[in-house]
Amino acid sequence: MQIRQRITDVMNAAIADIFMLDVDHISSHPEFDFRADLHASSIQYFPLIARIEDEFDIVIDSYAFQKRAHTIEDAISLVTKQFIEQKEN
């Protein structure tokens, strides 16, 4: 499985758990905005980031994540980029 797909699967499952939504619903809407569509508070980013860090053994800057990852797709792209950068070093 490609890393981007694995990140997408883990991210969607984590978002579904944290926001108490169906994973299929989350998976079919990568354009969902964390704040506007999911009504995310800053505290909800931390378990998401922790889950991704634990699953992929990477470090994610939580401040940068909240500033740059407006949508689910943005978050997937950001995590994929950070994974590649950190695993190459």
N, C-alpha and C. Protein backbone atom coordinates (compact mmCIF):
# COMPACT_ATOMS: atom_id res chain seq x y z
N MET A 1 0.86 -1.19 0.00
CA MET A 1 0.00 0.00 0.00
C MET A 1 0.89 1.23 0.00
N GLN A 2 0.55 2.19 -0.83
CA GLN A 2 1.30 3.43 -0.89
C GLN A 2 1.10 4.22 0.40
N ILE A 3 2.14 4.99 0.76
CA ILE A 3 2.08 5.71 2.02
C ILE A 3 0.94 6.73 2.05
N ARG A 4 0.70 7.41 0.95
CA ARG A 4 -0.39 8.40 0.95
C ARG A 4 -1.74 7.74 1.24
N GLN A 5 -1.97 6.57 0.68
CA GLN A 5 -3.23 5.87 0.93
C GLN A 5 -3.31 5.41 2.38
N ARG A 6 -2.19 4.94 2.92
CA ARG A 6 -2.17 4.52 4.32
C ARG A 6 -2.45 5.71 5.25
N ILE A 7 -1.83 6.85 4.95
CA ILE A 7 -2.07 8.07 5.74
C ILE A 7 -3.53 8.48 5.62
N THR A 8 -4.07 8.41 4.42
CA THR A 8 -5.49 8.76 4.21
C THR A 8 -6.39 7.86 5.04
N ASP A 9 -6.13 6.58 5.04
CA ASP A 9 -6.97 5.64 5.79
C ASP A 9 -6.90 5.92 7.30
N VAL A 10 -5.70 6.11 7.81
CA VAL A 10 -5.52 6.37 9.24
C VAL A 10 -6.14 7.72 9.62
N MET A 11 -5.91 8.72 8.79
CA MET A 11 -6.46 10.06 9.05
C MET A 11 -7.98 10.02 9.06
N ASN A 12 -8.58 9.39 8.07
CA ASN A 12 -10.04 9.32 8.02
C ASN A 12 -10.62 8.59 9.23
N ALA A 13 -9.99 7.49 9.62
CA ALA A 13 -10.47 6.74 10.79
C ALA A 13 -10.34 7.58 12.06
N ALA A 14 -9.23 8.29 12.20
CA ALA A 14 -9.02 9.13 13.38
C ALA A 14 -10.03 10.27 13.43
N ILE A 15 -10.26 10.91 12.30
CA ILE A 15 -11.22 12.02 12.24
C ILE A 15 -12.62 11.51 12.57
N ALA A 16 -12.98 10.36 12.01
CA ALA A 16 -14.30 9.78 12.29
C ALA A 16 -14.46 9.52 13.79
N ASP A 17 -13.43 8.97 14.42
CA ASP A 17 -13.49 8.69 15.86
C ASP A 17 -13.60 9.98 16.68
N ILE A 18 -12.74 10.93 16.38
CA ILE A 18 -12.68 12.16 17.18
C ILE A 18 -13.97 12.98 17.05
N PHE A 19 -14.51 13.04 15.83
CA PHE A 19 -15.70 13.85 15.60
C PHE A 19 -17.00 13.04 15.63
N MET A 20 -16.87 11.76 15.98
CA MET A 20 -18.02 10.86 16.10
C MET A 20 -18.87 10.85 14.83
N LEU A 21 -18.19 10.60 13.71
CA LEU A 21 -18.85 10.52 12.41
C LEU A 21 -18.50 9.18 11.77
N ASP A 22 -19.26 8.82 10.77
CA ASP A 22 -19.02 7.59 10.03
C ASP A 22 -17.77 7.74 9.15
N VAL A 23 -16.88 6.77 9.19
CA VAL A 23 -15.64 6.86 8.41
C VAL A 23 -15.93 6.95 6.91
N ASP A 24 -16.98 6.29 6.42
CA ASP A 24 -17.32 6.38 5.00
C ASP A 24 -17.72 7.80 4.62
N HIS A 25 -18.41 8.46 5.52
CA HIS A 25 -18.83 9.85 5.29
C HIS A 25 -17.59 10.76 5.21
N ILE A 26 -16.67 10.57 6.12
CA ILE A 26 -15.43 11.35 6.12
C ILE A 26 -14.62 11.05 4.86
N SER A 27 -14.50 9.78 4.53
CA SER A 27 -13.71 9.37 3.36
C SER A 27 -14.24 9.95 2.06
N SER A 28 -15.54 10.13 1.99
CA SER A 28 -16.13 10.64 0.74
C SER A 28 -16.13 12.16 0.66
N HIS A 29 -15.62 12.83 1.69
CA HIS A 29 -15.59 14.30 1.69
C HIS A 29 -14.23 14.85 2.11
N PRO A 30 -13.18 14.63 1.30
CA PRO A 30 -11.86 15.15 1.66
C PRO A 30 -11.81 16.68 1.66
N GLU A 31 -12.83 17.30 1.09
CA GLU A 31 -12.88 18.76 1.05
C GLU A 31 -13.43 19.37 2.34
N PHE A 32 -13.87 18.53 3.27
CA PHE A 32 -14.40 19.06 4.53
C PHE A 32 -13.36 19.94 5.21
N ASP A 33 -13.80 21.10 5.63
CA ASP A 33 -12.97 22.04 6.37
C ASP A 33 -13.09 21.70 7.86
N PHE A 34 -11.95 21.63 8.53
CA PHE A 34 -11.97 21.27 9.95
C PHE A 34 -12.83 22.22 10.77
N ARG A 35 -12.69 23.51 10.54
CA ARG A 35 -13.42 24.49 11.34
C ARG A 35 -14.86 24.67 10.85
N ALA A 36 -15.04 24.89 9.56
CA ALA A 36 -16.37 25.21 9.03
C ALA A 36 -17.30 23.99 8.99
N ASP A 37 -16.78 22.85 8.54
CA ASP A 37 -17.65 21.68 8.36
C ASP A 37 -17.67 20.75 9.57
N LEU A 38 -16.52 20.58 10.21
CA LEU A 38 -16.44 19.68 11.35
C LEU A 38 -16.54 20.41 12.69
N HIS A 39 -16.51 21.73 12.64
CA HIS A 39 -16.61 22.57 13.84
C HIS A 39 -15.54 22.20 14.86
N ALA A 40 -14.32 22.01 14.35
CA ALA A 40 -13.20 21.60 15.19
C ALA A 40 -12.76 22.73 16.12
N SER A 41 -12.49 22.35 17.34
CA SER A 41 -11.86 23.27 18.28
C SER A 41 -10.38 22.91 18.32
N SER A 42 -9.58 23.81 18.82
CA SER A 42 -8.14 23.56 18.83
C SER A 42 -7.79 22.31 19.62
N ILE A 43 -8.55 22.00 20.63
CA ILE A 43 -8.28 20.82 21.47
C ILE A 43 -8.49 19.52 20.69
N GLN A 44 -9.31 19.53 19.67
CA GLN A 44 -9.58 18.32 18.89
C GLN A 44 -8.44 17.97 17.93
N TYR A 45 -7.57 18.91 17.68
CA TYR A 45 -6.43 18.62 16.81
C TYR A 45 -5.41 17.72 17.50
N PHE A 46 -5.29 17.84 18.82
CA PHE A 46 -4.24 17.12 19.53
C PHE A 46 -4.37 15.60 19.47
N PRO A 47 -5.55 15.02 19.69
CA PRO A 47 -5.63 13.56 19.55
C PRO A 47 -5.41 13.10 18.11
N LEU A 48 -5.80 13.92 17.16
CA LEU A 48 -5.58 13.58 15.75
C LEU A 48 -4.08 13.56 15.45
N ILE A 49 -3.40 14.59 15.86
CA ILE A 49 -1.95 14.67 15.64
C ILE A 49 -1.24 13.54 16.37
N ALA A 50 -1.63 13.29 17.62
CA ALA A 50 -0.99 12.22 18.39
C ALA A 50 -1.17 10.86 17.72
N ARG A 51 -2.34 10.62 17.20
CA ARG A 51 -2.61 9.33 16.54
C ARG A 51 -1.74 9.16 15.30
N ILE A 52 -1.62 10.23 14.52
CA ILE A 52 -0.78 10.18 13.31
C ILE A 52 0.68 10.00 13.69
N GLU A 53 1.14 10.74 14.69
CA GLU A 53 2.54 10.61 15.13
C GLU A 53 2.83 9.19 15.61
N ASP A 54 1.93 8.62 16.39
CA ASP A 54 2.13 7.26 16.90
C ASP A 54 2.11 6.23 15.78
N GLU A 55 1.17 6.37 14.88
CA GLU A 55 1.01 5.40 13.80
C GLU A 55 2.20 5.39 12.84
N PHE A 56 2.75 6.57 12.55
CA PHE A 56 3.79 6.68 11.53
C PHE A 56 5.17 7.01 12.08
N ASP A 57 5.28 7.14 13.39
CA ASP A 57 6.55 7.44 14.04
C ASP A 57 7.21 8.69 13.44
N ILE A 58 6.41 9.75 13.37
CA ILE A 58 6.89 11.05 12.90
C ILE A 58 6.49 12.11 13.91
N VAL A 59 7.05 13.31 13.76
CA VAL A 59 6.71 14.44 14.61
C VAL A 59 6.00 15.47 13.75
N ILE A 60 4.87 15.94 14.24
CA ILE A 60 4.09 16.94 13.52
C ILE A 60 4.01 18.19 14.38
N ASP A 61 4.34 19.32 13.80
CA ASP A 61 4.22 20.60 14.50
C ASP A 61 2.73 20.93 14.59
N SER A 62 2.18 20.89 15.80
CA SER A 62 0.73 21.09 15.96
C SER A 62 0.29 22.48 15.54
N TYR A 63 1.12 23.48 15.78
CA TYR A 63 0.78 24.85 15.38
C TYR A 63 0.70 24.94 13.85
N ALA A 64 1.70 24.40 13.17
CA ALA A 64 1.71 24.42 11.70
C ALA A 64 0.54 23.62 11.14
N PHE A 65 0.24 22.50 11.77
CA PHE A 65 -0.87 21.66 11.32
C PHE A 65 -2.17 22.46 11.36
N GLN A 66 -2.43 23.13 12.47
CA GLN A 66 -3.67 23.89 12.61
C GLN A 66 -3.73 25.07 11.64
N LYS A 67 -2.58 25.65 11.34
CA LYS A 67 -2.55 26.80 10.42
C LYS A 67 -2.66 26.40 8.96
N ARG A 68 -2.08 25.25 8.60
CA ARG A 68 -2.00 24.87 7.19
C ARG A 68 -3.04 23.84 6.75
N ALA A 69 -3.50 23.03 7.66
CA ALA A 69 -4.42 21.95 7.30
C ALA A 69 -5.86 22.42 7.49
N HIS A 70 -6.35 23.15 6.53
CA HIS A 70 -7.72 23.66 6.60
C HIS A 70 -8.75 22.57 6.31
N THR A 71 -8.43 21.71 5.35
CA THR A 71 -9.34 20.64 4.96
C THR A 71 -8.70 19.28 5.27
N ILE A 72 -9.50 18.24 5.17
CA ILE A 72 -8.96 16.89 5.37
C ILE A 72 -7.88 16.62 4.33
N GLU A 73 -8.13 17.01 3.10
CA GLU A 73 -7.14 16.81 2.03
C GLU A 73 -5.84 17.56 2.34
N ASP A 74 -5.95 18.79 2.85
CA ASP A 74 -4.76 19.54 3.25
C ASP A 74 -3.98 18.78 4.32
N ALA A 75 -4.68 18.22 5.27
CA ALA A 75 -4.04 17.47 6.36
C ALA A 75 -3.32 16.24 5.83
N ILE A 76 -3.95 15.54 4.93
CA ILE A 76 -3.34 14.35 4.33
C ILE A 76 -2.07 14.73 3.57
N SER A 77 -2.15 15.80 2.81
CA SER A 77 -0.99 16.26 2.04
C SER A 77 0.14 16.69 2.97
N LEU A 78 -0.19 17.42 4.02
CA LEU A 78 0.81 17.89 4.97
C LEU A 78 1.50 16.72 5.67
N VAL A 79 0.73 15.76 6.14
CA VAL A 79 1.30 14.60 6.83
C VAL A 79 2.14 13.76 5.87
N THR A 80 1.67 13.59 4.65
CA THR A 80 2.44 12.82 3.66
C THR A 80 3.78 13.49 3.40
N LYS A 81 3.77 14.81 3.24
CA LYS A 81 5.01 15.55 3.01
C LYS A 81 5.95 15.42 4.20
N GLN A 82 5.41 15.58 5.40
CA GLN A 82 6.26 15.47 6.59
C GLN A 82 6.80 14.05 6.77
N PHE A 83 5.99 13.05 6.46
CA PHE A 83 6.44 11.67 6.54
C PHE A 83 7.63 11.46 5.61
N ILE A 84 7.48 11.87 4.37
CA ILE A 84 8.55 11.68 3.39
C ILE A 84 9.82 12.41 3.82
N GLU A 85 9.67 13.65 4.27
CA GLU A 85 10.83 14.44 4.72
C GLU A 85 11.53 13.79 5.91
N GLN A 86 10.77 13.32 6.86
CA GLN A 86 11.36 12.77 8.08
C GLN A 86 11.94 11.38 7.86
N LYS A 87 11.36 10.61 6.99
CA LYS A 87 11.86 9.26 6.73
C LYS A 87 13.06 9.26 5.80
N GLU A 88 13.23 10.31 5.02
CA GLU A 88 14.40 10.40 4.15
C GLU A 88 15.64 10.77 4.93
N ASN A 89 15.48 11.43 6.07
CA ASN A 89 16.64 11.86 6.86
C ASN A 89 17.11 10.81 7.81
